C-alpha atoms as a PDB file:
ATOM      1  CA  MET A   1      -3.681   2.433 -30.784  1.00  0.00           C
ATOM      2  CA  THR A   2      -5.583   2.557 -27.355  1.00  0.00           C
ATOM      3  CA  GLU A   3      -3.145   2.246 -24.545  1.00  0.00           C
ATOM      4  CA  VAL A   4      -4.718   0.036 -21.744  1.00  0.00           C
ATOM      5  CA  VAL A   5      -3.514   0.481 -18.112  1.00  0.00           C
ATOM      6  CA  ALA A   6      -3.347  -2.416 -15.562  1.00  0.00           C
ATOM      7  CA  THR A   7      -3.592  -1.086 -12.365  1.00  0.00           C
ATOM      8  CA  LEU A   8      -3.090  -3.023  -8.948  1.00  0.00           C
ATOM      9  CA  ALA A   9      -6.223  -3.956  -6.822  1.00  0.00           C
ATOM     10  CA  PHE A  10      -6.629  -1.318  -3.647  1.00  0.00           C
ATOM     11  CA  GLU A  11      -5.578  -4.212  -1.159  1.00  0.00           C
ATOM     12  CA  LEU A  12      -2.279  -4.645  -2.770  1.00  0.00           C
ATOM     13  CA  TYR A  13      -1.476  -0.903  -3.030  1.00  0.00           C
ATOM     14  CA  LEU A  14      -2.341  -0.634   0.511  1.00  0.00           C
ATOM     15  CA  MET A  15      -0.072  -3.711   1.431  1.00  0.00           C
ATOM     16  CA  ALA A  16       2.743  -2.353  -0.810  1.00  0.00           C
ATOM     17  CA  CYS A  17       2.298   1.033   1.364  1.00  0.00           C
ATOM     18  CA  CYS A  18       2.680  -0.487   4.618  1.00  0.00           C
ATOM     19  CA  LEU A  19       5.924  -2.342   3.648  1.00  0.00           C
ATOM     20  CA  PHE A  20       7.492   0.866   2.053  1.00  0.00           C
ATOM     21  CA  ALA A  21       6.523   2.812   5.614  1.00  0.00           C
ATOM     22  CA  PRO A  22       9.242   3.771   8.044  1.00  0.00           C
ATOM     23  CA  ALA A  23      10.509   0.399   9.670  1.00  0.00           C
ATOM     24  CA  ASP A  24      10.765   2.378  12.875  1.00  0.00           C
ATOM     25  CA  LYS A  25       7.199   3.811  12.757  1.00  0.00           C
ATOM     26  CA  MET A  26       4.434   1.997  14.657  1.00  0.00           C
ATOM     27  CA  ALA A  27       1.514   4.365  13.193  1.00  0.00           C
ATOM     28  CA  PHE A  28       1.494   5.702  10.132  1.00  0.00           C
ATOM     29  CA  GLU A  29      -0.891   7.462   7.318  1.00  0.00           C
ATOM     30  CA  ILE A  30      -1.743   6.656   3.800  1.00  0.00           C
ATOM     31  CA  GLU A  31      -3.140   9.301   1.545  1.00  0.00           C
ATOM     32  CA  LEU A  32      -4.693   8.143  -1.902  1.00  0.00           C
ATOM     33  CA  ARG A  33      -4.839  11.036  -4.165  1.00  0.00           C
ATOM     34  CA  GLU A  34      -6.490  10.523  -8.031  1.00  0.00           C
ATOM     35  CA  GLY A  35      -5.794  12.867 -10.983  1.00  0.00           C
ATOM     36  CA  GLN A  36      -4.796  16.598  -9.770  1.00  0.00           C
ATOM     37  CA  SER A  37      -6.535  16.353  -6.396  1.00  0.00           C
ATOM     38  CA  ALA A  38      -4.401  18.150  -3.917  1.00  0.00           C
ATOM     39  CA  LYS A  39      -6.085  15.839  -1.105  1.00  0.00           C
ATOM     40  CA  GLY A  40      -7.387  12.688  -0.917  1.00  0.00           C
ATOM     41  CA  PRO A  41      -8.685  10.096   1.592  1.00  0.00           C
ATOM     42  CA  VAL A  42      -6.559   9.205   4.416  1.00  0.00           C
ATOM     43  CA  MET A  43      -6.111   5.917   5.918  1.00  0.00           C
ATOM     44  CA  TYR A  44      -4.766   5.477   9.317  1.00  0.00           C
ATOM     45  CA  VAL A  45      -2.284   2.329   9.987  1.00  0.00           C
ATOM     46  CA  GLU A  46      -1.062   0.656  12.939  1.00  0.00           C
ATOM     47  CA  ARG A  47       1.579  -2.041  12.993  1.00  0.00           C
ATOM     48  CA  THR A  48       0.998  -4.991  15.034  1.00  0.00           C
ATOM     49  CA  ASP A  49       2.700  -8.286  15.959  1.00  0.00           C
ATOM     50  CA  THR A  50       0.510 -10.013  13.363  1.00  0.00           C
ATOM     51  CA  GLY A  51       1.009  -7.454  10.396  1.00  0.00           C
ATOM     52  CA  PHE A  52      -0.932  -4.435  10.041  1.00  0.00           C
ATOM     53  CA  MET A  53      -4.259  -2.677  10.666  1.00  0.00           C
ATOM     54  CA  ILE A  54      -5.753  -0.192   8.402  1.00  0.00           C
ATOM     55  CA  TYR A  55      -8.562   2.071   9.660  1.00  0.00           C
ATOM     56  CA  GLY A  56     -10.947   4.533   7.840  1.00  0.00           C
ATOM     57  CA  ASP A  57     -10.869   7.067  10.891  1.00  0.00           C
ATOM     58  CA  LYS A  58      -8.292   8.784  12.790  1.00  0.00           C
ATOM     59  CA  GLU A  59      -9.642   7.362  16.015  1.00  0.00           C
ATOM     60  CA  LYS A  60      -9.103   3.711  14.631  1.00  0.00           C
ATOM     61  CA  LYS A  61     -12.786   2.508  15.441  1.00  0.00           C
ATOM     62  CA  GLY A  62     -14.970   0.655  13.362  1.00  0.00           C
ATOM     63  CA  ASP A  63     -14.230  -1.604  10.690  1.00  0.00           C
ATOM     64  CA  ALA A  64     -10.695  -2.083   9.476  1.00  0.00           C
ATOM     65  CA  ILE A  65      -8.858  -4.037   6.893  1.00  0.00           C
ATOM     66  CA  SER A  66      -6.317  -6.674   8.609  1.00  0.00           C
ATOM     67  CA  VAL A  67      -3.154  -7.317   6.993  1.00  0.00           C
ATOM     68  CA  LYS A  68      -1.625 -10.753   8.280  1.00  0.00           C
ATOM     69  CA  LYS A  69       1.706 -11.488   7.971  1.00  0.00           C
ATOM     70  CA  ALA A  70       2.770 -15.076   7.703  1.00  0.00           C
ATOM     71  CA  GLY A  71       6.687 -15.146   6.959  1.00  0.00           C
ATOM     72  CA  GLU A  72       7.380 -12.896   3.992  1.00  0.00           C
ATOM     73  CA  ARG A  73       3.678 -13.300   3.073  1.00  0.00           C
ATOM     74  CA  TYR A  74       1.144 -10.415   3.659  1.00  0.00           C
ATOM     75  CA  VAL A  75      -2.526 -11.047   2.987  1.00  0.00           C
ATOM     76  CA  VAL A  76      -5.523  -9.508   3.273  1.00  0.00           C
ATOM     77  CA  SER A  77      -8.614 -11.555   3.581  1.00  0.00           C
ATOM     78  CA  GLN A  78     -12.328 -10.502   2.420  1.00  0.00           C
ATOM     79  CA  GLU A  79     -15.645 -11.413   1.647  1.00  0.00           C
ATOM     80  CA  ARG A  80     -17.854  -9.934  -0.907  1.00  0.00           C
ATOM     81  CA  GLY A  81     -21.001 -11.424  -1.997  1.00  0.00           C
ATOM     82  CA  GLY A  82     -20.597 -14.619  -0.226  1.00  0.00           C
ATOM     83  CA  LYS A  83     -16.970 -15.450  -1.602  1.00  0.00           C
ATOM     84  CA  LYS A  84     -13.907 -15.065   0.290  1.00  0.00           C
ATOM     85  CA  THR A  85     -11.391 -12.973  -1.633  1.00  0.00           C
ATOM     86  CA  GLU A  86      -7.576 -12.943  -0.589  1.00  0.00           C
ATOM     87  CA  SER A  87      -5.142 -10.482  -1.769  1.00  0.00           C
ATOM     88  CA  VAL A  88      -1.199 -11.327  -1.264  1.00  0.00           C
ATOM     89  CA  ILE A  89       1.989  -9.967  -1.441  1.00  0.00           C
ATOM     90  CA  ASP A  90       5.218 -12.311  -1.131  1.00  0.00           C
ATOM     91  CA  ASN A  91       7.832  -9.974  -0.051  1.00  0.00           C
ATOM     92  CA  ALA A  92      10.540 -12.657  -0.420  1.00  0.00           C
ATOM     93  CA  LYS A  93       9.733 -12.184  -4.091  1.00  0.00           C
ATOM     94  CA  ALA A  94       8.678  -8.650  -4.157  1.00  0.00           C
ATOM     95  CA  GLY A  95      11.557  -6.871  -2.110  1.00  0.00           C
ATOM     96  CA  ILE A  96       9.705  -4.042  -0.950  1.00  0.00           C
ATOM     97  CA  ILE A  97      11.838  -2.188   1.669  1.00  0.00           C
ATOM     98  CA  PRO A  98      11.621   1.332   3.080  1.00  0.00           C
ATOM     99  CA  LEU A  99      14.114   3.798   1.934  1.00  0.00           C
ATOM    100  CA  GLU A 100      16.228   5.617   4.488  1.00  0.00           C
ATOM    101  CA  LYS A 101      17.452   8.625   1.884  1.00  0.00           C
ATOM    102  CA  ASP A 102      16.062  10.123  -1.403  1.00  0.00           C
ATOM    103  CA  GLY A 103      15.440   7.501  -3.847  1.00  0.00           C
ATOM    104  CA  LYS A 104      13.347   5.488  -6.150  1.00  0.00           C
ATOM    105  CA  TYR A 105      12.856   2.088  -7.157  1.00  0.00           C
ATOM    106  CA  VAL A 106      10.485  -0.109  -9.035  1.00  0.00           C
ATOM    107  CA  LYS A 107       8.884  -3.564  -8.037  1.00  0.00           C
ATOM    108  CA  GLU A 108       6.881  -6.099  -9.962  1.00  0.00           C
ATOM    109  CA  ILE A 109       3.567  -7.104  -8.005  1.00  0.00           C
ATOM    110  CA  ASP A 110       1.041  -9.409  -9.224  1.00  0.00           C
ATOM    111  CA  GLY A 111       2.390  -8.945 -12.477  1.00  0.00           C
ATOM    112  CA  LYS A 112       2.747  -4.967 -12.621  1.00  0.00           C
ATOM    113  CA  LYS A 113       5.465  -2.331 -12.134  1.00  0.00           C
ATOM    114  CA  VAL A 114       4.838  -0.451  -9.327  1.00  0.00           C
ATOM    115  CA  ALA A 115       7.245   2.515  -8.452  1.00  0.00           C
ATOM    116  CA  PHE A 116       8.350   3.341  -4.869  1.00  0.00           C
ATOM    117  CA  GLU A 117       9.777   6.816  -4.440  1.00  0.00           C
ATOM    118  CA  LEU A 118      11.163   9.091  -1.426  1.00  0.00           C
ATOM    119  CA  LYS A 119      11.867  12.505  -2.136  1.00  0.00           C
ATOM    120  CA  GLU A 120      12.460  15.124   0.369  1.00  0.00           C
ATOM    121  CA  GLY A 121      10.483  13.140   3.053  1.00  0.00           C
ATOM    122  CA  THR A 122       7.628  12.392   0.944  1.00  0.00           C
ATOM    123  CA  ARG A 123       6.984   8.695   0.095  1.00  0.00           C
ATOM    124  CA  LYS A 124       4.803   7.876  -2.855  1.00  0.00           C
ATOM    125  CA  VAL A 125       3.712   4.475  -4.552  1.00  0.00           C
ATOM    126  CA  TYR A 126       2.198   4.708  -7.712  1.00  0.00           C
ATOM    127  CA  GLN A 127       2.299   3.085 -11.042  1.00  0.00           C
ATOM    128  CA  ASP A 128       3.194   5.010 -14.299  1.00  0.00           C
ATOM    129  CA  HIS A 129       0.240   6.018 -16.661  1.00  0.00           C
ATOM    130  CA  ASN A 130      -1.959   5.667 -13.464  1.00  0.00           C
ATOM    131  CA  ASP A 131      -3.614   8.634 -11.996  1.00  0.00           C
ATOM    132  CA  LYS A 132      -3.755   6.803  -8.632  1.00  0.00           C
ATOM    133  CA  LEU A 133      -0.956   8.179  -5.897  1.00  0.00           C
ATOM    134  CA  PHE A 134      -0.523   6.592  -2.459  1.00  0.00           C
ATOM    135  CA  MET A 135       1.513   8.989  -0.201  1.00  0.00           C
ATOM    136  CA  VAL A 136       2.780   7.342   2.978  1.00  0.00           C
ATOM    137  CA  ARG A 137       3.425   9.584   5.769  1.00  0.00           C
END
């Protein structure tokens, strides 16, 4: 039997990481690791009055992904190939919160189970049976 792994869209992972970041941090980083790699690409995030801005470089210049907050909903809108797409997390349903002490919980986002873990100061967001790991610092 072949195991099929359904993964979240990259944008949904990014939003989930933003919601899992310590609430008192105005700026933080999200690192993506795949497989057994010791390091991966890093994104730099700023908390804004309207949600979050995610940048690809440390200077926070150039293109950014904007996450807009509307009540408990967080939305990323993008245009690809002439079509506008939206990724949405309704946090009233998902209930993603930052942990203050070591622990782990699993939430369902877009029909997929996603684990949120804090261990020894390291925050991780991932799905079981998937080689992608997002670290929030």
